[in-house]
């Protein structure tokens, strides 16, 4: 197959707009016989996985712990030069483009494609998709929820409790910044989680405070699961963290901050430290 015949579909959208969920949905629908039945094999590739980022062969992308089985599947795929194979690659913006990987060969037209007849669906944040836009044969944008979708999502999360849904909707409407971001499925999920975890069913008024509350709540649950921190009943700010926890949290914050500057979104166990 020539380069023009490469089938690359780009799914782009804002962080939290549902790109990863859509990737999983595509694979699940194919497996249940509801989508893309022209493909005999669909492979989900999580590009944030360090093992995937350093993959040198197609076999490294296949979900088989048994190397021998992976090689057998690869041999069959190679005989057809990828015909009937769909790779769903999630998180191109999390791929280290400076690190050579077979993943890039499947997408980039300037590189020799080991499976020229294969098709690729790749997800990426909109601000990082410029390179992919040049090679994509089709582009799809995830737009998130409509207002009616948000209410339906609340209804499902609150298990059909109409009174609770109405109360949550009112609280969201009272906070314009929160309401303006609730179209993002990830933000909607955080809103519901905090609403349920807060005794007064109140929400922070800004996105910054929303995310801060989420992080503090997660840390609190982690601490309360450990015997030495069971006495801690609440956390109202990061200054309330125990000294040793504060040091670990500061390390993670610095790691995340430096990673953002380098456009790096995934880290190894060694980088995380103890």
C-alpha atoms as a PDB file:
ATOM      1  CA  UNK A   1       0.000   0.000   0.000  1.00  0.00           C
ATOM      2  CA  UNK A   2       1.318   3.472  -0.783  1.00  0.00           C
ATOM      3  CA  UNK A   3       1.460   6.298   1.733  1.00  0.00           C
ATOM      4  CA  UNK A   4      -1.719   7.927   0.431  1.00  0.00           C
ATOM      5  CA  UNK A   5      -3.643   4.763   1.212  1.00  0.00           C
ATOM      6  CA  UNK A   6      -2.730   4.763   4.880  1.00  0.00           C
ATOM      7  CA  UNK A   7      -5.860   4.895   6.979  1.00  0.00           C
ATOM      8  CA  UNK A   8      -5.301   7.093  10.024  1.00  0.00           C
ATOM      9  CA  UNK A   9      -8.318   8.477  11.887  1.00  0.00           C
ATOM     10  CA  UNK A  10      -7.550  11.234  14.386  1.00  0.00           C
ATOM     11  CA  UNK A  11      -9.770  11.702  17.444  1.00  0.00           C
ATOM     12  CA  UNK A  12      -8.913  14.987  19.124  1.00  0.00           C
ATOM     13  CA  UNK A  13     -10.390  16.960  21.980  1.00  0.00           C
ATOM     14  CA  UNK A  14      -9.789  18.766  25.239  1.00  0.00           C
ATOM     15  CA  UNK A  15      -8.431  16.898  28.277  1.00  0.00           C
ATOM     16  CA  UNK A  16     -11.281  15.036  29.953  1.00  0.00           C
ATOM     17  CA  UNK A  17     -13.583  15.248  26.934  1.00  0.00           C
ATOM     18  CA  UNK A  18     -13.888  11.473  26.589  1.00  0.00           C
ATOM     19  CA  UNK A  19     -11.154  10.382  24.167  1.00  0.00           C
ATOM     20  CA  UNK A  20      -9.939   7.469  26.292  1.00  0.00           C
ATOM     21  CA  UNK A  21     -13.496   6.391  27.076  1.00  0.00           C
ATOM     22  CA  UNK A  22     -14.279   6.451  23.356  1.00  0.00           C
ATOM     23  CA  UNK A  23     -11.210   4.289  22.667  1.00  0.00           C
ATOM     24  CA  UNK A  24     -12.406   1.663  25.127  1.00  0.00           C
ATOM     25  CA  UNK A  25     -15.940   1.898  23.741  1.00  0.00           C
ATOM     26  CA  UNK A  26     -14.717   1.245  20.193  1.00  0.00           C
ATOM     27  CA  UNK A  27     -12.888  -1.899  21.312  1.00  0.00           C
ATOM     28  CA  UNK A  28     -15.802  -3.143  23.393  1.00  0.00           C
ATOM     29  CA  UNK A  29     -18.300  -2.567  20.570  1.00  0.00           C
ATOM     30  CA  UNK A  30     -16.028  -4.426  18.125  1.00  0.00           C
ATOM     31  CA  UNK A  31     -15.646  -7.341  20.554  1.00  0.00           C
ATOM     32  CA  UNK A  32     -19.422  -7.596  20.962  1.00  0.00           C
ATOM     33  CA  UNK A  33     -19.999  -7.513  17.194  1.00  0.00           C
ATOM     34  CA  UNK A  34     -21.487  -4.033  17.087  1.00  0.00           C
ATOM     35  CA  UNK A  35     -18.790  -2.045  15.282  1.00  0.00           C
ATOM     36  CA  UNK A  36     -15.982  -2.343  12.720  1.00  0.00           C
ATOM     37  CA  UNK A  37     -16.630  -5.982  11.906  1.00  0.00           C
ATOM     38  CA  UNK A  38     -14.562  -5.610   8.734  1.00  0.00           C
ATOM     39  CA  UNK A  39     -11.529  -5.968  11.021  1.00  0.00           C
ATOM     40  CA  UNK A  40     -10.481  -9.400  12.218  1.00  0.00           C
ATOM     41  CA  UNK A  41      -8.411  -7.925  15.063  1.00  0.00           C
ATOM     42  CA  UNK A  42      -8.575  -4.668  17.018  1.00  0.00           C
ATOM     43  CA  UNK A  43      -5.639  -3.830  19.300  1.00  0.00           C
ATOM     44  CA  UNK A  44      -5.916  -1.167  22.002  1.00  0.00           C
ATOM     45  CA  UNK A  45      -2.547   0.529  22.563  1.00  0.00           C
ATOM     46  CA  UNK A  46      -2.219   2.748  25.652  1.00  0.00           C
ATOM     47  CA  UNK A  47       0.542   5.150  24.636  1.00  0.00           C
ATOM     48  CA  UNK A  48       1.132   6.366  28.184  1.00  0.00           C
ATOM     49  CA  UNK A  49       2.507   2.918  29.076  1.00  0.00           C
ATOM     50  CA  UNK A  50       6.341   3.152  29.274  1.00  0.00           C
ATOM     51  CA  UNK A  51       6.617  -0.378  27.830  1.00  0.00           C
ATOM     52  CA  UNK A  52       4.619   0.726  24.793  1.00  0.00           C
ATOM     53  CA  UNK A  53       6.649   3.913  24.386  1.00  0.00           C
ATOM     54  CA  UNK A  54       9.808   1.859  24.039  1.00  0.00           C
ATOM     55  CA  UNK A  55       8.232  -0.859  21.870  1.00  0.00           C
ATOM     56  CA  UNK A  56      10.550  -1.940  19.060  1.00  0.00           C
ATOM     57  CA  UNK A  57       8.386  -4.539  17.328  1.00  0.00           C
ATOM     58  CA  UNK A  58       4.693  -5.040  16.594  1.00  0.00           C
ATOM     59  CA  UNK A  59       4.766  -8.024  18.979  1.00  0.00           C
ATOM     60  CA  UNK A  60       5.529  -5.568  21.803  1.00  0.00           C
ATOM     61  CA  UNK A  61       2.144  -3.913  21.155  1.00  0.00           C
ATOM     62  CA  UNK A  62       0.120  -7.115  21.382  1.00  0.00           C
ATOM     63  CA  UNK A  63      -1.661  -7.880  24.671  1.00  0.00           C
ATOM     64  CA  UNK A  64      -0.059 -11.272  25.288  1.00  0.00           C
ATOM     65  CA  UNK A  65       2.032 -12.118  28.316  1.00  0.00           C
ATOM     66  CA  UNK A  66       3.156 -15.205  26.401  1.00  0.00           C
ATOM     67  CA  UNK A  67       5.902 -14.073  24.000  1.00  0.00           C
ATOM     68  CA  UNK A  68       5.500 -17.201  21.907  1.00  0.00           C
ATOM     69  CA  UNK A  69       1.796 -16.533  21.342  1.00  0.00           C
ATOM     70  CA  UNK A  70       2.531 -12.907  20.492  1.00  0.00           C
ATOM     71  CA  UNK A  71       5.037 -14.030  17.865  1.00  0.00           C
ATOM     72  CA  UNK A  72       2.508 -16.454  16.374  1.00  0.00           C
ATOM     73  CA  UNK A  73      -0.130 -13.732  16.118  1.00  0.00           C
ATOM     74  CA  UNK A  74       2.455 -11.354  14.660  1.00  0.00           C
ATOM     75  CA  UNK A  75       3.446 -13.868  11.964  1.00  0.00           C
ATOM     76  CA  UNK A  76      -0.170 -14.128  10.843  1.00  0.00           C
ATOM     77  CA  UNK A  77      -0.545 -10.326  10.820  1.00  0.00           C
ATOM     78  CA  UNK A  78       2.662  -9.846   8.834  1.00  0.00           C
ATOM     79  CA  UNK A  79       1.581 -12.368   6.188  1.00  0.00           C
ATOM     80  CA  UNK A  80      -1.283 -10.011   5.365  1.00  0.00           C
ATOM     81  CA  UNK A  81       0.810  -6.854   5.881  1.00  0.00           C
ATOM     82  CA  UNK A  82      -1.733  -5.735   8.472  1.00  0.00           C
ATOM     83  CA  UNK A  83      -4.813  -6.265   6.313  1.00  0.00           C
ATOM     84  CA  UNK A  84      -7.899  -6.452   8.570  1.00  0.00           C
ATOM     85  CA  UNK A  85      -6.022  -5.083  11.608  1.00  0.00           C
ATOM     86  CA  UNK A  86      -7.090  -1.923  13.454  1.00  0.00           C
ATOM     87  CA  UNK A  87      -4.827  -0.313  16.050  1.00  0.00           C
ATOM     88  CA  UNK A  88      -6.594   2.024  18.511  1.00  0.00           C
ATOM     89  CA  UNK A  89      -3.834   4.211  19.936  1.00  0.00           C
ATOM     90  CA  UNK A  90      -4.866   6.283  22.921  1.00  0.00           C
ATOM     91  CA  UNK A  91      -2.875   9.335  24.038  1.00  0.00           C
ATOM     92  CA  UNK A  92      -0.505  10.432  21.266  1.00  0.00           C
ATOM     93  CA  UNK A  93       0.287  13.572  23.295  1.00  0.00           C
ATOM     94  CA  UNK A  94       1.675  11.301  26.030  1.00  0.00           C
ATOM     95  CA  UNK A  95       4.099   9.605  23.642  1.00  0.00           C
ATOM     96  CA  UNK A  96       7.742  10.597  23.923  1.00  0.00           C
ATOM     97  CA  UNK A  97       8.359  11.590  20.310  1.00  0.00           C
ATOM     98  CA  UNK A  98      12.107  11.761  20.925  1.00  0.00           C
ATOM     99  CA  UNK A  99      12.162   8.065  21.769  1.00  0.00           C
ATOM    100  CA  UNK A 100      12.107   5.823  18.706  1.00  0.00           C
ATOM    101  CA  UNK A 101       9.133   3.465  18.727  1.00  0.00           C
ATOM    102  CA  UNK A 102       7.338   1.164  16.301  1.00  0.00           C
ATOM    103  CA  UNK A 103       4.187   3.126  17.160  1.00  0.00           C
ATOM    104  CA  UNK A 104       5.435   6.077  15.136  1.00  0.00           C
ATOM    105  CA  UNK A 105       6.114   3.829  12.134  1.00  0.00           C
ATOM    106  CA  UNK A 106       2.442   2.829  12.032  1.00  0.00           C
ATOM    107  CA  UNK A 107       1.325   6.461  11.813  1.00  0.00           C
ATOM    108  CA  UNK A 108       4.000   8.678  10.276  1.00  0.00           C
ATOM    109  CA  UNK A 109       4.093   8.553   6.439  1.00  0.00           C
ATOM    110  CA  UNK A 110       7.802   9.409   6.249  1.00  0.00           C
ATOM    111  CA  UNK A 111       8.691   6.206   8.099  1.00  0.00           C
ATOM    112  CA  UNK A 112       8.656   2.666   6.749  1.00  0.00           C
ATOM    113  CA  UNK A 113       5.416   1.086   7.929  1.00  0.00           C
ATOM    114  CA  UNK A 114       5.859  -2.574   8.924  1.00  0.00           C
ATOM    115  CA  UNK A 115       2.095  -3.118   8.385  1.00  0.00           C
ATOM    116  CA  UNK A 116       1.122  -0.867   5.439  1.00  0.00           C
ATOM    117  CA  UNK A 117      -2.377  -2.334   5.086  1.00  0.00           C
ATOM    118  CA  UNK A 118      -3.364  -1.781   8.711  1.00  0.00           C
ATOM    119  CA  UNK A 119      -5.664   0.994   9.922  1.00  0.00           C
ATOM    120  CA  UNK A 120      -5.066   3.286  12.886  1.00  0.00           C
ATOM    121  CA  UNK A 121      -7.314   5.310  15.167  1.00  0.00           C
ATOM    122  CA  UNK A 122      -5.284   7.668  17.331  1.00  0.00           C
ATOM    123  CA  UNK A 123      -6.432  10.031  20.092  1.00  0.00           C
ATOM    124  CA  UNK A 124      -4.688  13.259  21.032  1.00  0.00           C
ATOM    125  CA  UNK A 125      -5.318  16.521  22.835  1.00  0.00           C
ATOM    126  CA  UNK A 126      -6.286  19.239  20.364  1.00  0.00           C
ATOM    127  CA  UNK A 127      -3.328  21.471  21.205  1.00  0.00           C
ATOM    128  CA  UNK A 128      -0.879  18.664  20.428  1.00  0.00           C
ATOM    129  CA  UNK A 129      -2.478  17.222  17.305  1.00  0.00           C
ATOM    130  CA  UNK A 130      -0.879  19.457  14.658  1.00  0.00           C
ATOM    131  CA  UNK A 131       1.527  16.788  13.401  1.00  0.00           C
ATOM    132  CA  UNK A 132      -1.235  14.200  13.227  1.00  0.00           C
ATOM    133  CA  UNK A 133      -3.600  16.489  11.350  1.00  0.00           C
ATOM    134  CA  UNK A 134      -1.196  16.393   8.406  1.00  0.00           C
ATOM    135  CA  UNK A 135      -1.340  12.591   8.099  1.00  0.00           C
ATOM    136  CA  UNK A 136      -4.925  11.883   9.163  1.00  0.00           C
ATOM    137  CA  UNK A 137      -7.350  10.732   6.502  1.00  0.00           C
ATOM    138  CA  UNK A 138     -10.260  11.676   8.815  1.00  0.00           C
ATOM    139  CA  UNK A 139     -10.631  13.799  11.926  1.00  0.00           C
ATOM    140  CA  UNK A 140     -13.150  13.530  14.758  1.00  0.00           C
ATOM    141  CA  UNK A 141     -13.484  15.916  17.693  1.00  0.00           C
ATOM    142  CA  UNK A 142     -14.855  14.842  21.071  1.00  0.00           C
ATOM    143  CA  UNK A 143     -17.116  17.653  22.246  1.00  0.00           C
ATOM    144  CA  UNK A 144     -18.093  16.287  25.656  1.00  0.00           C
ATOM    145  CA  UNK A 145     -21.607  16.465  27.106  1.00  0.00           C
ATOM    146  CA  UNK A 146     -24.569  18.554  26.004  1.00  0.00           C
ATOM    147  CA  UNK A 147     -26.618  20.131  28.841  1.00  0.00           C
ATOM    148  CA  UNK A 148     -29.133  17.281  28.602  1.00  0.00           C
ATOM    149  CA  UNK A 149     -26.248  14.773  28.660  1.00  0.00           C
ATOM    150  CA  UNK A 150     -24.947  16.330  31.890  1.00  0.00           C
ATOM    151  CA  UNK A 151     -28.311  15.940  33.591  1.00  0.00           C
ATOM    152  CA  UNK A 152     -28.654  12.354  32.323  1.00  0.00           C
ATOM    153  CA  UNK A 153     -25.148  11.605  33.640  1.00  0.00           C
ATOM    154  CA  UNK A 154     -26.060  13.054  37.051  1.00  0.00           C
ATOM    155  CA  UNK A 155     -29.240  10.956  37.047  1.00  0.00           C
ATOM    156  CA  UNK A 156     -27.279   7.772  36.351  1.00  0.00           C
ATOM    157  CA  UNK A 157     -24.553   8.514  38.929  1.00  0.00           C
ATOM    158  CA  UNK A 158     -27.128   9.357  41.600  1.00  0.00           C
ATOM    159  CA  UNK A 159     -29.008   6.133  40.837  1.00  0.00           C
ATOM    160  CA  UNK A 160     -32.185   7.795  39.650  1.00  0.00           C
ATOM    161  CA  UNK A 161     -32.684   9.943  42.752  1.00  0.00           C
ATOM    162  CA  UNK A 162     -34.581  12.809  41.101  1.00  0.00           C
ATOM    163  CA  UNK A 163     -34.422  14.985  44.215  1.00  0.00           C
ATOM    164  CA  UNK A 164     -30.649  14.627  44.493  1.00  0.00           C
ATOM    165  CA  UNK A 165     -30.229  15.314  40.762  1.00  0.00           C
ATOM    166  CA  UNK A 166     -32.271  18.491  41.061  1.00  0.00           C
ATOM    167  CA  UNK A 167     -30.264  19.627  44.079  1.00  0.00           C
ATOM    168  CA  UNK A 168     -26.944  18.923  42.323  1.00  0.00           C
ATOM    169  CA  UNK A 169     -28.102  20.736  39.180  1.00  0.00           C
ATOM    170  CA  UNK A 170     -29.046  23.789  41.262  1.00  0.00           C
ATOM    171  CA  UNK A 171     -25.690  23.793  43.043  1.00  0.00           C
ATOM    172  CA  UNK A 172     -23.855  23.591  39.700  1.00  0.00           C
ATOM    173  CA  UNK A 173     -25.928  26.433  38.239  1.00  0.00           C
ATOM    174  CA  UNK A 174     -25.001  28.614  41.214  1.00  0.00           C
ATOM    175  CA  UNK A 175     -21.323  28.298  40.252  1.00  0.00           C
ATOM    176  CA  UNK A 176     -20.857  29.663  36.680  1.00  0.00           C
ATOM    177  CA  UNK A 177     -17.228  28.522  36.360  1.00  0.00           C
ATOM    178  CA  UNK A 178     -18.082  24.979  37.442  1.00  0.00           C
ATOM    179  CA  UNK A 179     -21.152  24.891  35.203  1.00  0.00           C
ATOM    180  CA  UNK A 180     -19.119  26.117  32.201  1.00  0.00           C
ATOM    181  CA  UNK A 181     -16.760  23.138  32.553  1.00  0.00           C
ATOM    182  CA  UNK A 182     -19.329  20.468  33.384  1.00  0.00           C
ATOM    183  CA  UNK A 183     -19.587  19.536  29.688  1.00  0.00           C
ATOM    184  CA  UNK A 184     -16.288  17.693  30.152  1.00  0.00           C
ATOM    185  CA  UNK A 185     -17.068  14.129  31.324  1.00  0.00           C
ATOM    186  CA  UNK A 186     -14.049  14.118  33.636  1.00  0.00           C
ATOM    187  CA  UNK A 187     -15.154  17.345  35.350  1.00  0.00           C
ATOM    188  CA  UNK A 188     -18.734  16.060  35.585  1.00  0.00           C
ATOM    189  CA  UNK A 189     -17.438  12.922  37.314  1.00  0.00           C
ATOM    190  CA  UNK A 190     -15.446  15.027  39.803  1.00  0.00           C
ATOM    191  CA  UNK A 191     -18.501  17.206  40.493  1.00  0.00           C
ATOM    192  CA  UNK A 192     -20.612  14.165  41.366  1.00  0.00           C
ATOM    193  CA  UNK A 193     -17.863  12.629  43.511  1.00  0.00           C
ATOM    194  CA  UNK A 194     -17.371  15.796  45.586  1.00  0.00           C
ATOM    195  CA  UNK A 195     -21.124  16.350  45.865  1.00  0.00           C
ATOM    196  CA  UNK A 196     -21.528  12.877  47.347  1.00  0.00           C
ATOM    197  CA  UNK A 197     -18.490  13.140  49.641  1.00  0.00           C
ATOM    198  CA  UNK A 198     -19.450  16.529  51.106  1.00  0.00           C
ATOM    199  CA  UNK A 199     -21.953  16.313  54.001  1.00  0.00           C
ATOM    200  CA  UNK A 200     -23.488  19.674  53.056  1.00  0.00           C
ATOM    201  CA  UNK A 201     -23.640  18.737  49.345  1.00  0.00           C
ATOM    202  CA  UNK A 202     -21.885  21.987  48.486  1.00  0.00           C
ATOM    203  CA  UNK A 203     -19.376  22.501  45.691  1.00  0.00           C
ATOM    204  CA  UNK A 204     -16.303  24.741  45.415  1.00  0.00           C
ATOM    205  CA  UNK A 205     -16.907  27.866  43.346  1.00  0.00           C
ATOM    206  CA  UNK A 206     -13.827  27.633  41.093  1.00  0.00           C
ATOM    207  CA  UNK A 207     -12.157  24.862  39.106  1.00  0.00           C
ATOM    208  CA  UNK A 208      -8.973  25.354  41.121  1.00  0.00           C
ATOM    209  CA  UNK A 209     -10.849  24.721  44.358  1.00  0.00           C
ATOM    210  CA  UNK A 210     -12.720  21.808  42.771  1.00  0.00           C
ATOM    211  CA  UNK A 211      -9.497  20.020  41.870  1.00  0.00           C
ATOM    212  CA  UNK A 212      -7.912  20.962  45.211  1.00  0.00           C
ATOM    213  CA  UNK A 213     -10.852  19.417  47.067  1.00  0.00           C
ATOM    214  CA  UNK A 214     -10.571  16.263  44.970  1.00  0.00           C
ATOM    215  CA  UNK A 215      -6.844  15.870  45.664  1.00  0.00           C
ATOM    216  CA  UNK A 216      -7.252  16.532  49.393  1.00  0.00           C
ATOM    217  CA  UNK A 217     -10.094  14.011  49.598  1.00  0.00           C
ATOM    218  CA  UNK A 218      -8.052  11.343  47.808  1.00  0.00           C
ATOM    219  CA  UNK A 219      -5.078  11.945  50.103  1.00  0.00           C
ATOM    220  CA  UNK A 220      -7.349  11.791  53.169  1.00  0.00           C
ATOM    221  CA  UNK A 221      -8.799   8.443  52.095  1.00  0.00           C
ATOM    222  CA  UNK A 222      -5.281   7.124  51.495  1.00  0.00           C
ATOM    223  CA  UNK A 223      -4.103   8.267  54.928  1.00  0.00           C
ATOM    224  CA  UNK A 224      -7.122   6.879  56.763  1.00  0.00           C
ATOM    225  CA  UNK A 225      -6.410   3.459  55.277  1.00  0.00           C
ATOM    226  CA  UNK A 226      -3.084   3.430  57.136  1.00  0.00           C
ATOM    227  CA  UNK A 227      -2.975   2.782  60.869  1.00  0.00           C
ATOM    228  CA  UNK A 228      -0.547   5.604  61.736  1.00  0.00           C
ATOM    229  CA  UNK A 229      -2.841   8.256  60.201  1.00  0.00           C
ATOM    230  CA  UNK A 230      -6.268   7.049  61.356  1.00  0.00           C
ATOM    231  CA  UNK A 231      -6.539   9.981  63.776  1.00  0.00           C
ATOM    232  CA  UNK A 232      -6.710  12.427  60.858  1.00  0.00           C
ATOM    233  CA  UNK A 233     -10.387  13.197  60.251  1.00  0.00           C
ATOM    234  CA  UNK A 234     -10.191  16.013  57.721  1.00  0.00           C
ATOM    235  CA  UNK A 235      -7.862  18.012  55.494  1.00  0.00           C
ATOM    236  CA  UNK A 236      -8.786  21.584  54.665  1.00  0.00           C
ATOM    237  CA  UNK A 237      -5.520  22.570  53.000  1.00  0.00           C
ATOM    238  CA  UNK A 238      -2.221  21.059  51.925  1.00  0.00           C
ATOM    239  CA  UNK A 239      -0.623  22.692  54.979  1.00  0.00           C
ATOM    240  CA  UNK A 240      -2.504  20.123  57.078  1.00  0.00           C
ATOM    241  CA  UNK A 241      -0.523  17.225  55.615  1.00  0.00           C
ATOM    242  CA  UNK A 242       1.805  15.331  58.013  1.00  0.00           C
ATOM    243  CA  UNK A 243       5.462  16.190  57.515  1.00  0.00           C
ATOM    244  CA  UNK A 244       6.517  12.989  55.755  1.00  0.00           C
ATOM    245  CA  UNK A 245       3.444  13.071  53.533  1.00  0.00           C
ATOM    246  CA  UNK A 246       4.118  16.731  52.739  1.00  0.00           C
ATOM    247  CA  UNK A 247       7.606  15.836  51.487  1.00  0.00           C
ATOM    248  CA  UNK A 248       6.252  13.099  49.214  1.00  0.00           C
ATOM    249  CA  UNK A 249       3.499  15.375  47.930  1.00  0.00           C
ATOM    250  CA  UNK A 250       5.977  18.189  47.209  1.00  0.00           C
ATOM    251  CA  UNK A 251       8.082  15.709  45.229  1.00  0.00           C
ATOM    252  CA  UNK A 252       5.086  14.666  43.140  1.00  0.00           C
ATOM    253  CA  UNK A 253       4.151  18.301  42.519  1.00  0.00           C
ATOM    254  CA  UNK A 254       7.674  19.142  41.370  1.00  0.00           C
ATOM    255  CA  UNK A 255       7.720  16.069  39.140  1.00  0.00           C
ATOM    256  CA  UNK A 256       4.400  17.074  37.571  1.00  0.00           C
ATOM    257  CA  UNK A 257       5.462  20.707  37.132  1.00  0.00           C
ATOM    258  CA  UNK A 258       8.767  19.796  35.469  1.00  0.00           C
ATOM    259  CA  UNK A 259       6.950  17.237  33.340  1.00  0.00           C
ATOM    260  CA  UNK A 260       4.496  19.822  32.048  1.00  0.00           C
ATOM    261  CA  UNK A 261       7.353  22.120  31.039  1.00  0.00           C
ATOM    262  CA  UNK A 262       8.829  19.248  29.036  1.00  0.00           C
ATOM    263  CA  UNK A 263       5.380  18.121  27.769  1.00  0.00           C
ATOM    264  CA  UNK A 264       5.897  14.859  29.608  1.00  0.00           C
ATOM    265  CA  UNK A 265       2.749  13.279  31.057  1.00  0.00           C
ATOM    266  CA  UNK A 266       3.900   9.843  32.224  1.00  0.00           C
ATOM    267  CA  UNK A 267       6.650   8.844  34.630  1.00  0.00           C
ATOM    268  CA  UNK A 268       8.524   5.704  35.577  1.00  0.00           C
ATOM    269  CA  UNK A 269       8.486   4.070  39.008  1.00  0.00           C
ATOM    270  CA  UNK A 270      12.089   5.165  39.515  1.00  0.00           C
ATOM    271  CA  UNK A 271      11.108   8.804  38.933  1.00  0.00           C
ATOM    272  CA  UNK A 272       8.277   8.583  41.459  1.00  0.00           C
ATOM    273  CA  UNK A 273      10.616   7.358  44.173  1.00  0.00           C
ATOM    274  CA  UNK A 274       9.420   5.747  47.372  1.00  0.00           C
END
